[in-house]
Structures are given as C-alpha cells and as structure tokens.
C-alpha cells in the first residue's frame, strides 16, 4: 500500500545574478511522492501560456522533477512562482516563492 501522505515539494529559483546575466532562466520543482503526480506551474497565480516549455521527468519512483524555462525579461516582471503537485490519491499541494527582488 502506498502512503497517503501529502508529497513534499522543493522549489529552486534562479539566482539574481543568473537572471541579470542570462537570456533564459530555469526554475526547478522536485516533488517527493510515492505517486506519479502531475506537476503544474503558476506565474503570479496564473497558468503560464502554452508557449512556456515545461519539462517533467520522473527521476526515481519517489521523486519527480519539473523544469520551467522563461526568458529573463519575463522572469523580471514576476512577483511569485508556484509549483503544484496533483494526484487523485492526495489533496493537491503547492509551494510558492516570492521572486520579486
């Protein structure tokens, strides 16, 4: 039987220097869960457009890594970024990071 506990999320955002010196930046969300959860992203509380590439891969049976890549110019306009994990076997859980400098 799988544990019914809510997964834990770890959200990594690019460093300020990276945002200032690179044309694109990547945020990474790692979901630790026994389930194959669906990972989604919110930018300032809204779904990013379909143009935003999201790369999701199960690195092991216990964790899922999702990368969100954005142009630095778009990143600089954001206030918050949210990573959300959803699966029918647990309540959706999310982690939000304040990215405004």
PDB file of N, CA and C in Angstrom:
ATOM      1  N   UNK A   1       0.848  -1.196   0.000  1.00  0.00           N
ATOM      2  CA  UNK A   1       0.000   0.000   0.000  1.00  0.00           C
ATOM      3  C   UNK A   1       0.884   1.246   0.000  1.00  0.00           C
ATOM      4  N   UNK A   2       0.469   2.230  -0.764  1.00  0.00           N
ATOM      5  CA  UNK A   2       1.186   3.494  -0.811  1.00  0.00           C
ATOM      6  C   UNK A   2       0.828   4.353   0.385  1.00  0.00           C
ATOM      7  N   UNK A   3       1.756   5.159   0.874  1.00  0.00           N
ATOM      8  CA  UNK A   3       1.416   6.090   1.950  1.00  0.00           C
ATOM      9  C   UNK A   3       0.464   7.150   1.418  1.00  0.00           C
ATOM     10  N   UNK A   4      -0.448   7.588   2.260  1.00  0.00           N
ATOM     11  CA  UNK A   4      -1.440   8.574   1.814  1.00  0.00           C
ATOM     12  C   UNK A   4      -1.014   9.994   2.163  1.00  0.00           C
ATOM     13  N   UNK A   5       0.225  10.141   2.601  1.00  0.00           N
ATOM     14  CA  UNK A   5       0.672  11.468   2.999  1.00  0.00           C
ATOM     15  C   UNK A   5       0.854  12.379   1.791  1.00  0.00           C
ATOM     16  N   UNK A   6       0.701  13.658   2.033  1.00  0.00           N
ATOM     17  CA  UNK A   6       0.884  14.664   1.003  1.00  0.00           C
ATOM     18  C   UNK A   6       2.352  14.722   0.608  1.00  0.00           C
ATOM     19  N   UNK A   7       2.643  14.882  -0.665  1.00  0.00           N
ATOM     20  CA  UNK A   7       4.054  14.925  -1.091  1.00  0.00           C
ATOM     21  C   UNK A   7       4.744  16.192  -0.604  1.00  0.00           C
ATOM     22  N   UNK A   8       6.053  16.122  -0.534  1.00  0.00           N
ATOM     23  CA  UNK A   8       6.808  17.328  -0.205  1.00  0.00           C
ATOM     24  C   UNK A   8       7.344  17.926  -1.491  1.00  0.00           C
ATOM     25  N   UNK A   9       7.410  19.248  -1.535  1.00  0.00           N
ATOM     26  CA  UNK A   9       7.876  19.958  -2.714  1.00  0.00           C
ATOM     27  C   UNK A   9       9.102  20.782  -2.365  1.00  0.00           C
ATOM     28  N   UNK A  10      10.039  20.823  -3.297  1.00  0.00           N
ATOM     29  CA  UNK A  10      11.215  21.669  -3.164  1.00  0.00           C
ATOM     30  C   UNK A  10      11.296  22.526  -4.418  1.00  0.00           C
ATOM     31  N   UNK A  11      11.253  23.841  -4.254  1.00  0.00           N
ATOM     32  CA  UNK A  11      11.247  24.767  -5.372  1.00  0.00           C
ATOM     33  C   UNK A  11      12.553  25.550  -5.398  1.00  0.00           C
ATOM     34  N   UNK A  12      13.266  25.434  -6.506  1.00  0.00           N
ATOM     35  CA  UNK A  12      14.525  26.170  -6.690  1.00  0.00           C
ATOM     36  C   UNK A  12      14.329  27.222  -7.766  1.00  0.00           C
ATOM     37  N   UNK A  13      14.639  28.455  -7.428  1.00  0.00           N
ATOM     38  CA  UNK A  13      14.528  29.542  -8.394  1.00  0.00           C
ATOM     39  C   UNK A  13      15.924  30.031  -8.755  1.00  0.00           C
ATOM     40  N   UNK A  14      16.070  30.621  -9.941  1.00  0.00           N
ATOM     41  CA  UNK A  14      17.400  31.084 -10.345  1.00  0.00           C
ATOM     42  C   UNK A  14      17.896  32.220  -9.459  1.00  0.00           C
ATOM     43  N   UNK A  15      19.197  32.310  -9.331  1.00  0.00           N
ATOM     44  CA  UNK A  15      19.801  33.374  -8.531  1.00  0.00           C
ATOM     45  C   UNK A  15      19.688  34.701  -9.261  1.00  0.00           C
ATOM     46  N   UNK A  16      19.718  35.774  -8.502  1.00  0.00           N
ATOM     47  CA  UNK A  16      19.599  37.124  -9.052  1.00  0.00           C
ATOM     48  C   UNK A  16      20.635  37.362 -10.151  1.00  0.00           C
ATOM     49  N   UNK A  17      21.854  36.957  -9.900  1.00  0.00           N
ATOM     50  CA  UNK A  17      22.926  37.174 -10.879  1.00  0.00           C
ATOM     51  C   UNK A  17      22.634  36.434 -12.190  1.00  0.00           C
ATOM     52  N   UNK A  18      22.093  35.231 -12.082  1.00  0.00           N
ATOM     53  CA  UNK A  18      21.741  34.459 -13.273  1.00  0.00           C
ATOM     54  C   UNK A  18      20.674  35.193 -14.081  1.00  0.00           C
ATOM     55  N   UNK A  19      19.668  35.713 -13.394  1.00  0.00           N
ATOM     56  CA  UNK A  19      18.595  36.447 -14.064  1.00  0.00           C
ATOM     57  C   UNK A  19      19.160  37.670 -14.793  1.00  0.00           C
ATOM     58  N   UNK A  20      20.144  38.330 -14.191  1.00  0.00           N
ATOM     59  CA  UNK A  20      20.699  39.542 -14.777  1.00  0.00           C
ATOM     60  C   UNK A  20      21.686  39.280 -15.917  1.00  0.00           C
ATOM     61  N   UNK A  21      22.278  38.080 -15.963  1.00  0.00           N
ATOM     62  CA  UNK A  21      23.323  37.835 -16.948  1.00  0.00           C
ATOM     63  C   UNK A  21      22.933  36.838 -18.040  1.00  0.00           C
ATOM     64  N   UNK A  22      21.860  36.088 -17.860  1.00  0.00           N
ATOM     65  CA  UNK A  22      21.459  35.086 -18.853  1.00  0.00           C
ATOM     66  C   UNK A  22      20.197  35.543 -19.596  1.00  0.00           C
ATOM     67  N   UNK A  23      20.010  35.049 -20.814  1.00  0.00           N
ATOM     68  CA  UNK A  23      18.809  35.406 -21.576  1.00  0.00           C
ATOM     69  C   UNK A  23      17.625  34.536 -21.189  1.00  0.00           C
ATOM     70  N   UNK A  24      17.899  33.334 -20.672  1.00  0.00           N
ATOM     71  CA  UNK A  24      16.845  32.450 -20.192  1.00  0.00           C
ATOM     72  C   UNK A  24      17.212  31.937 -18.805  1.00  0.00           C
ATOM     73  N   UNK A  25      16.193  31.709 -17.986  1.00  0.00           N
ATOM     74  CA  UNK A  25      16.411  31.161 -16.649  1.00  0.00           C
ATOM     75  C   UNK A  25      15.468  29.982 -16.453  1.00  0.00           C
ATOM     76  N   UNK A  26      15.845  29.099 -15.525  1.00  0.00           N
ATOM     77  CA  UNK A  26      15.054  27.907 -15.266  1.00  0.00           C
ATOM     78  C   UNK A  26      14.767  27.781 -13.775  1.00  0.00           C
ATOM     79  N   UNK A  27      13.510  27.517 -13.470  1.00  0.00           N
ATOM     80  CA  UNK A  27      13.115  27.180 -12.107  1.00  0.00           C
ATOM     81  C   UNK A  27      12.879  25.667 -12.080  1.00  0.00           C
ATOM     82  N   UNK A  28      13.219  25.041 -10.966  1.00  0.00           N
ATOM     83  CA  UNK A  28      13.070  23.593 -10.843  1.00  0.00           C
ATOM     84  C   UNK A  28      12.218  23.263  -9.627  1.00  0.00           C
ATOM     85  N   UNK A  29      11.279  22.357  -9.830  1.00  0.00           N
ATOM     86  CA  UNK A  29      10.444  21.876  -8.733  1.00  0.00           C
ATOM     87  C   UNK A  29      10.655  20.374  -8.618  1.00  0.00           C
ATOM     88  N   UNK A  30      11.006  19.922  -7.423  1.00  0.00           N
ATOM     89  CA  UNK A  30      11.160  18.493  -7.187  1.00  0.00           C
ATOM     90  C   UNK A  30      10.056  18.065  -6.228  1.00  0.00           C
ATOM     91  N   UNK A  31       9.275  17.075  -6.668  1.00  0.00           N
ATOM     92  CA  UNK A  31       8.160  16.559  -5.877  1.00  0.00           C
ATOM     93  C   UNK A  31       8.554  15.184  -5.360  1.00  0.00           C
ATOM     94  N   UNK A  32       8.539  15.023  -4.048  1.00  0.00           N
ATOM     95  CA  UNK A  32       8.836  13.729  -3.431  1.00  0.00           C
ATOM     96  C   UNK A  32       7.506  13.072  -3.084  1.00  0.00           C
ATOM     97  N   UNK A  33       7.166  12.018  -3.831  1.00  0.00           N
ATOM     98  CA  UNK A  33       5.871  11.371  -3.648  1.00  0.00           C
ATOM     99  C   UNK A  33       5.948   9.929  -4.101  1.00  0.00           C
ATOM    100  N   UNK A  34       5.148   9.079  -3.494  1.00  0.00           N
ATOM    101  CA  UNK A  34       5.069   7.685  -3.915  1.00  0.00           C
ATOM    102  C   UNK A  34       4.215   7.557  -5.166  1.00  0.00           C
ATOM    103  N   UNK A  35       3.511   8.614  -5.524  1.00  0.00           N
ATOM    104  CA  UNK A  35       2.630   8.595  -6.681  1.00  0.00           C
ATOM    105  C   UNK A  35       3.249   9.360  -7.846  1.00  0.00           C
ATOM    106  N   UNK A  36       2.795   9.038  -9.045  1.00  0.00           N
ATOM    107  CA  UNK A  36       3.242   9.746 -10.236  1.00  0.00           C
ATOM    108  C   UNK A  36       2.380  11.001 -10.387  1.00  0.00           C
ATOM    109  N   UNK A  37       2.717  12.016  -9.627  1.00  0.00           N
ATOM    110  CA  UNK A  37       1.907  13.225  -9.574  1.00  0.00           C
ATOM    111  C   UNK A  37       2.075  14.066 -10.834  1.00  0.00           C
ATOM    112  N   UNK A  38       1.051  14.856 -11.128  1.00  0.00           N
ATOM    113  CA  UNK A  38       1.128  15.820 -12.224  1.00  0.00           C
ATOM    114  C   UNK A  38       1.635  17.131 -11.631  1.00  0.00           C
ATOM    115  N   UNK A  39       2.689  17.663 -12.228  1.00  0.00           N
ATOM    116  CA  UNK A  39       3.274  18.913 -11.752  1.00  0.00           C
ATOM    117  C   UNK A  39       2.843  20.042 -12.680  1.00  0.00           C
ATOM    118  N   UNK A  40       2.351  21.125 -12.102  1.00  0.00           N
ATOM    119  CA  UNK A  40       1.984  22.284 -12.906  1.00  0.00           C
ATOM    120  C   UNK A  40       2.563  23.539 -12.270  1.00  0.00           C
ATOM    121  N   UNK A  41       2.612  24.602 -13.040  1.00  0.00           N
ATOM    122  CA  UNK A  41       3.220  25.853 -12.617  1.00  0.00           C
ATOM    123  C   UNK A  41       2.213  26.984 -12.697  1.00  0.00           C
ATOM    124  N   UNK A  42       2.352  27.946 -11.793  1.00  0.00           N
ATOM    125  CA  UNK A  42       1.570  29.180 -11.842  1.00  0.00           C
ATOM    126  C   UNK A  42       2.541  30.350 -11.762  1.00  0.00           C
ATOM    127  N   UNK A  43       2.353  31.326 -12.621  1.00  0.00           N
ATOM    128  CA  UNK A  43       3.157  32.543 -12.599  1.00  0.00           C
ATOM    129  C   UNK A  43       2.252  33.684 -12.173  1.00  0.00           C
ATOM    130  N   UNK A  44       2.556  34.290 -11.022  1.00  0.00           N
ATOM    131  CA  UNK A  44       1.689  35.310 -10.427  1.00  0.00           C
ATOM    132  C   UNK A  44       0.260  34.798 -10.298  1.00  0.00           C
ATOM    133  N   UNK A  45       0.112  33.510  -9.949  1.00  0.00           N
ATOM    134  CA  UNK A  45      -1.209  32.931  -9.716  1.00  0.00           C
ATOM    135  C   UNK A  45      -1.946  32.495 -10.968  1.00  0.00           C
ATOM    136  N   UNK A  46      -1.329  32.641 -12.142  1.00  0.00           N
ATOM    137  CA  UNK A  46      -1.991  32.265 -13.392  1.00  0.00           C
ATOM    138  C   UNK A  46      -1.198  31.179 -14.105  1.00  0.00           C
ATOM    139  N   UNK A  47      -1.917  30.355 -14.865  1.00  0.00           N
ATOM    140  CA  UNK A  47      -1.251  29.350 -15.694  1.00  0.00           C
ATOM    141  C   UNK A  47      -0.386  30.045 -16.734  1.00  0.00           C
ATOM    142  N   UNK A  48       0.853  29.602 -16.896  1.00  0.00           N
ATOM    143  CA  UNK A  48       1.662  30.193 -17.965  1.00  0.00           C
ATOM    144  C   UNK A  48       1.082  29.800 -19.316  1.00  0.00           C
ATOM    145  N   UNK A  49       1.353  30.572 -20.318  1.00  0.00           N
ATOM    146  CA  UNK A  49       0.829  30.260 -21.645  1.00  0.00           C
ATOM    147  C   UNK A  49       1.413  28.956 -22.143  1.00  0.00           C
ATOM    148  N   UNK A  50       0.782  28.379 -23.117  1.00  0.00           N
ATOM    149  CA  UNK A  50       1.243  27.090 -23.647  1.00  0.00           C
ATOM    150  C   UNK A  50       2.606  27.214 -24.319  1.00  0.00           C
ATOM    151  N   UNK A  51       3.040  28.432 -24.595  1.00  0.00           N
ATOM    152  CA  UNK A  51       4.357  28.614 -25.206  1.00  0.00           C
ATOM    153  C   UNK A  51       5.487  28.316 -24.221  1.00  0.00           C
ATOM    154  N   UNK A  52       5.195  28.359 -22.936  1.00  0.00           N
ATOM    155  CA  UNK A  52       6.240  28.152 -21.936  1.00  0.00           C
ATOM    156  C   UNK A  52       6.579  26.665 -21.844  1.00  0.00           C
ATOM    157  N   UNK A  53       7.816  26.285 -22.173  1.00  0.00           N
ATOM    158  CA  UNK A  53       8.165  24.861 -22.131  1.00  0.00           C
ATOM    159  C   UNK A  53       8.315  24.360 -20.694  1.00  0.00           C
ATOM    160  N   UNK A  54       7.643  23.261 -20.407  1.00  0.00           N
ATOM    161  CA  UNK A  54       7.765  22.617 -19.104  1.00  0.00           C
ATOM    162  C   UNK A  54       8.281  21.211 -19.344  1.00  0.00           C
ATOM    163  N   UNK A  55       9.359  20.873 -18.665  1.00  0.00           N
ATOM    164  CA  UNK A  55       9.978  19.570 -18.826  1.00  0.00           C
ATOM    165  C   UNK A  55       9.779  18.788 -17.536  1.00  0.00           C
ATOM    166  N   UNK A  56       9.043  17.686 -17.599  1.00  0.00           N
ATOM    167  CA  UNK A  56       8.795  16.877 -16.408  1.00  0.00           C
ATOM    168  C   UNK A  56       9.355  15.489 -16.619  1.00  0.00           C
ATOM    169  N   UNK A  57      10.110  15.026 -15.632  1.00  0.00           N
ATOM    170  CA  UNK A  57      10.691  13.691 -15.720  1.00  0.00           C
ATOM    171  C   UNK A  57      10.686  13.040 -14.352  1.00  0.00           C
ATOM    172  N   UNK A  58      10.358  11.755 -14.319  1.00  0.00           N
ATOM    173  CA  UNK A  58      10.454  11.002 -13.072  1.00  0.00           C
ATOM    174  C   UNK A  58      11.889  10.532 -12.933  1.00  0.00           C
ATOM    175  N   UNK A  59      12.588  11.078 -11.945  1.00  0.00           N
ATOM    176  CA  UNK A  59      13.979  10.688 -11.773  1.00  0.00           C
ATOM    177  C   UNK A  59      14.083   9.357 -11.036  1.00  0.00           C
ATOM    178  N   UNK A  60      13.166   9.117 -10.135  1.00  0.00           N
ATOM    179  CA  UNK A  60      13.063   7.817  -9.460  1.00  0.00           C
ATOM    180  C   UNK A  60      11.584   7.577  -9.213  1.00  0.00           C
ATOM    181  N   UNK A  61      11.257   6.481  -8.588  1.00  0.00           N
ATOM    182  CA  UNK A  61       9.851   6.233  -8.285  1.00  0.00           C
ATOM    183  C   UNK A  61       9.375   7.131  -7.148  1.00  0.00           C
ATOM    184  N   UNK A  62      10.302   7.760  -6.451  1.00  0.00           N
ATOM    185  CA  UNK A  62       9.939   8.580  -5.300  1.00  0.00           C
ATOM    186  C   UNK A  62       9.995  10.076  -5.562  1.00  0.00           C
ATOM    187  N   UNK A  63      10.530  10.508  -6.710  1.00  0.00           N
ATOM    188  CA  UNK A  63      10.592  11.943  -6.956  1.00  0.00           C
ATOM    189  C   UNK A  63      10.392  12.270  -8.426  1.00  0.00           C
ATOM    190  N   UNK A  64       9.798  13.424  -8.655  1.00  0.00           N
ATOM    191  CA  UNK A  64       9.533  13.935  -9.990  1.00  0.00           C
ATOM    192  C   UNK A  64      10.162  15.312 -10.063  1.00  0.00           C
ATOM    193  N   UNK A  65      10.869  15.568 -11.142  1.00  0.00           N
ATOM    194  CA  UNK A  65      11.496  16.874 -11.326  1.00  0.00           C
ATOM    195  C   UNK A  65      10.838  17.562 -12.509  1.00  0.00           C
ATOM    196  N   UNK A  66      10.472  18.825 -12.318  1.00  0.00           N
ATOM    197  CA  UNK A  66       9.877  19.601 -13.394  1.00  0.00           C
ATOM    198  C   UNK A  66      10.648  20.913 -13.527  1.00  0.00           C
ATOM    199  N   UNK A  67      11.023  21.243 -14.754  1.00  0.00           N
ATOM    200  CA  UNK A  67      11.747  22.486 -15.020  1.00  0.00           C
ATOM    201  C   UNK A  67      10.864  23.431 -15.818  1.00  0.00           C
ATOM    202  N   UNK A  68      10.880  24.686 -15.439  1.00  0.00           N
ATOM    203  CA  UNK A  68      10.171  25.734 -16.161  1.00  0.00           C
ATOM    204  C   UNK A  68      11.202  26.747 -16.631  1.00  0.00           C
ATOM    205  N   UNK A  69      11.308  26.921 -17.941  1.00  0.00           N
ATOM    206  CA  UNK A  69      12.280  27.845 -18.512  1.00  0.00           C
ATOM    207  C   UNK A  69      11.555  29.066 -19.060  1.00  0.00           C
ATOM    208  N   UNK A  70      12.045  30.237 -18.676  1.00  0.00           N
ATOM    209  CA  UNK A  70      11.444  31.502 -19.104  1.00  0.00           C
ATOM    210  C   UNK A  70      12.529  32.451 -19.590  1.00  0.00           C
ATOM    211  N   UNK A  71      12.166  33.387 -20.470  1.00  0.00           N
ATOM    212  CA  UNK A  71      13.107  34.459 -20.791  1.00  0.00           C
ATOM    213  C   UNK A  71      13.368  35.303 -19.542  1.00  0.00           C
ATOM    214  N   UNK A  72      14.580  35.760 -19.360  1.00  0.00           N
ATOM    215  CA  UNK A  72      14.911  36.582 -18.194  1.00  0.00           C
ATOM    216  C   UNK A  72      14.019  37.814 -18.112  1.00  0.00           C
ATOM    217  N   UNK A  73      13.679  38.385 -19.282  1.00  0.00           N
ATOM    218  CA  UNK A  73      12.836  39.586 -19.289  1.00  0.00           C
ATOM    219  C   UNK A  73      11.463  39.302 -18.673  1.00  0.00           C
ATOM    220  N   UNK A  74      10.919  38.110 -18.910  1.00  0.00           N
ATOM    221  CA  UNK A  74       9.629  37.746 -18.314  1.00  0.00           C
ATOM    222  C   UNK A  74       9.796  37.476 -16.818  1.00  0.00           C
ATOM    223  N   UNK A  75      10.890  36.795 -16.443  1.00  0.00           N
ATOM    224  CA  UNK A  75      11.140  36.488 -15.030  1.00  0.00           C
ATOM    225  C   UNK A  75      11.187  37.772 -14.200  1.00  0.00           C
ATOM    226  N   UNK A  76      11.818  38.807 -14.745  1.00  0.00           N
ATOM    227  CA  UNK A  76      11.974  40.064 -14.009  1.00  0.00           C
ATOM    228  C   UNK A  76      10.651  40.746 -13.716  1.00  0.00           C
ATOM    229  N   UNK A  77       9.598  40.404 -14.459  1.00  0.00           N
ATOM    230  CA  UNK A  77       8.288  41.030 -14.238  1.00  0.00           C
ATOM    231  C   UNK A  77       7.434  40.252 -13.236  1.00  0.00           C
ATOM    232  N   UNK A  78       7.875  39.061 -12.831  1.00  0.00           N
ATOM    233  CA  UNK A  78       7.080  38.214 -11.931  1.00  0.00           C
ATOM    234  C   UNK A  78       7.177  38.664 -10.481  1.00  0.00           C
ATOM    235  N   UNK A  79       6.088  38.421  -9.758  1.00  0.00           N
ATOM    236  CA  UNK A  79       6.088  38.594  -8.310  1.00  0.00           C
ATOM    237  C   UNK A  79       6.237  37.254  -7.605  1.00  0.00           C
ATOM    238  N   UNK A  80       5.492  36.248  -8.092  1.00  0.00           N
ATOM    239  CA  UNK A  80       5.544  34.926  -7.463  1.00  0.00           C
ATOM    240  C   UNK A  80       5.550  33.834  -8.520  1.00  0.00           C
ATOM    241  N   UNK A  81       6.127  32.697  -8.139  1.00  0.00           N
ATOM    242  CA  UNK A  81       6.087  31.496  -8.971  1.00  0.00           C
ATOM    243  C   UNK A  81       5.639  30.353  -8.057  1.00  0.00           C
ATOM    244  N   UNK A  82       4.744  29.513  -8.573  1.00  0.00           N
ATOM    245  CA  UNK A  82       4.174  28.431  -7.776  1.00  0.00           C
ATOM    246  C   UNK A  82       4.327  27.109  -8.508  1.00  0.00           C
ATOM    247  N   UNK A  83       4.732  26.102  -7.765  1.00  0.00           N
ATOM    248  CA  UNK A  83       4.787  24.735  -8.271  1.00  0.00           C
ATOM    249  C   UNK A  83       3.686  23.956  -7.554  1.00  0.00           C
ATOM    250  N   UNK A  84       2.878  23.221  -8.319  1.00  0.00           N
ATOM    251  CA  UNK A  84       1.761  22.475  -7.730  1.00  0.00           C
ATOM    252  C   UNK A  84       1.850  21.012  -8.146  1.00  0.00           C
ATOM    253  N   UNK A  85       1.598  20.122  -7.190  1.00  0.00           N
ATOM    254  CA  UNK A  85       1.562  18.685  -7.468  1.00  0.00           C
ATOM    255  C   UNK A  85       0.144  18.186  -7.238  1.00  0.00           C
ATOM    256  N   UNK A  86      -0.365  17.428  -8.220  1.00  0.00           N
ATOM    257  CA  UNK A  86      -1.733  16.926  -8.129  1.00  0.00           C
ATOM    258  C   UNK A  86      -1.779  15.437  -8.454  1.00  0.00           C
ATOM    259  N   UNK A  87      -2.603  14.736  -7.704  1.00  0.00           N
ATOM    260  CA  UNK A  87      -2.861  13.323  -7.961  1.00  0.00           C
ATOM    261  C   UNK A  87      -4.179  12.982  -7.283  1.00  0.00           C
ATOM    262  N   UNK A  88      -4.917  12.042  -7.859  1.00  0.00           N
ATOM    263  CA  UNK A  88      -6.227  11.726  -7.290  1.00  0.00           C
ATOM    264  C   UNK A  88      -6.154  11.093  -5.899  1.00  0.00           C
ATOM    265  N   UNK A  89      -4.970  10.598  -5.515  1.00  0.00           N
ATOM    266  CA  UNK A  89      -4.841   9.928  -4.217  1.00  0.00           C
ATOM    267  C   UNK A  89      -4.465  10.867  -3.068  1.00  0.00           C
ATOM    268  N   UNK A  90      -4.233  12.154  -3.360  1.00  0.00           N
ATOM    269  CA  UNK A  90      -3.958  13.104  -2.283  1.00  0.00           C
ATOM    270  C   UNK A  90      -4.468  14.481  -2.680  1.00  0.00           C
ATOM    271  N   UNK A  91      -4.654  15.338  -1.687  1.00  0.00           N
ATOM    272  CA  UNK A  91      -5.047  16.706  -1.969  1.00  0.00           C
ATOM    273  C   UNK A  91      -3.903  17.409  -2.680  1.00  0.00           C
ATOM    274  N   UNK A  92      -4.228  18.279  -3.644  1.00  0.00           N
ATOM    275  CA  UNK A  92      -3.150  18.974  -4.346  1.00  0.00           C
ATOM    276  C   UNK A  92      -2.375  19.809  -3.348  1.00  0.00           C
ATOM    277  N   UNK A  93      -1.093  19.900  -3.566  1.00  0.00           N
ATOM    278  CA  UNK A  93      -0.231  20.676  -2.690  1.00  0.00           C
ATOM    279  C   UNK A  93       0.626  21.563  -3.557  1.00  0.00           C
ATOM    280  N   UNK A  94       1.011  22.726  -3.012  1.00  0.00           N
ATOM    281  CA  UNK A  94       1.807  23.647  -3.808  1.00  0.00           C
ATOM    282  C   UNK A  94       2.791  24.407  -2.942  1.00  0.00           C
ATOM    283  N   UNK A  95       3.801  24.928  -3.609  1.00  0.00           N
ATOM    284  CA  UNK A  95       4.807  25.751  -2.936  1.00  0.00           C
ATOM    285  C   UNK A  95       5.004  26.997  -3.780  1.00  0.00           C
ATOM    286  N   UNK A  96       4.936  28.153  -3.121  1.00  0.00           N
ATOM    287  CA  UNK A  96       5.081  29.430  -3.820  1.00  0.00           C
ATOM    288  C   UNK A  96       6.335  30.134  -3.330  1.00  0.00           C
ATOM    289  N   UNK A  97       7.040  30.724  -4.268  1.00  0.00           N
ATOM    290  CA  UNK A  97       8.229  31.509  -3.938  1.00  0.00           C
ATOM    291  C   UNK A  97       8.024  32.940  -4.415  1.00  0.00           C
ATOM    292  N   UNK A  98       8.358  33.893  -3.566  1.00  0.00           N
ATOM    293  CA  UNK A  98       8.304  35.292  -3.940  1.00  0.00           C
ATOM    294  C   UNK A  98       9.586  35.612  -4.677  1.00  0.00           C
ATOM    295  N   UNK A  99       9.485  35.983  -5.949  1.00  0.00           N
ATOM    296  CA  UNK A  99      10.687  36.201  -6.748  1.00  0.00           C
ATOM    297  C   UNK A  99      10.987  37.672  -6.999  1.00  0.00           C
ATOM    298  N   UNK A 100      10.124  38.540  -6.515  1.00  0.00           N
ATOM    299  CA  UNK A 100      10.359  39.966  -6.728  1.00  0.00           C
ATOM    300  C   UNK A 100      11.534  40.398  -5.885  1.00  0.00           C
ATOM    301  N   UNK A 101      12.503  41.088  -6.500  1.00  0.00           N
ATOM    302  CA  UNK A 101      13.716  41.495  -5.807  1.00  0.00           C
ATOM    303  C   UNK A 101      13.505  42.495  -4.811  1.00  0.00           C
TER     304      UNK A 101
END
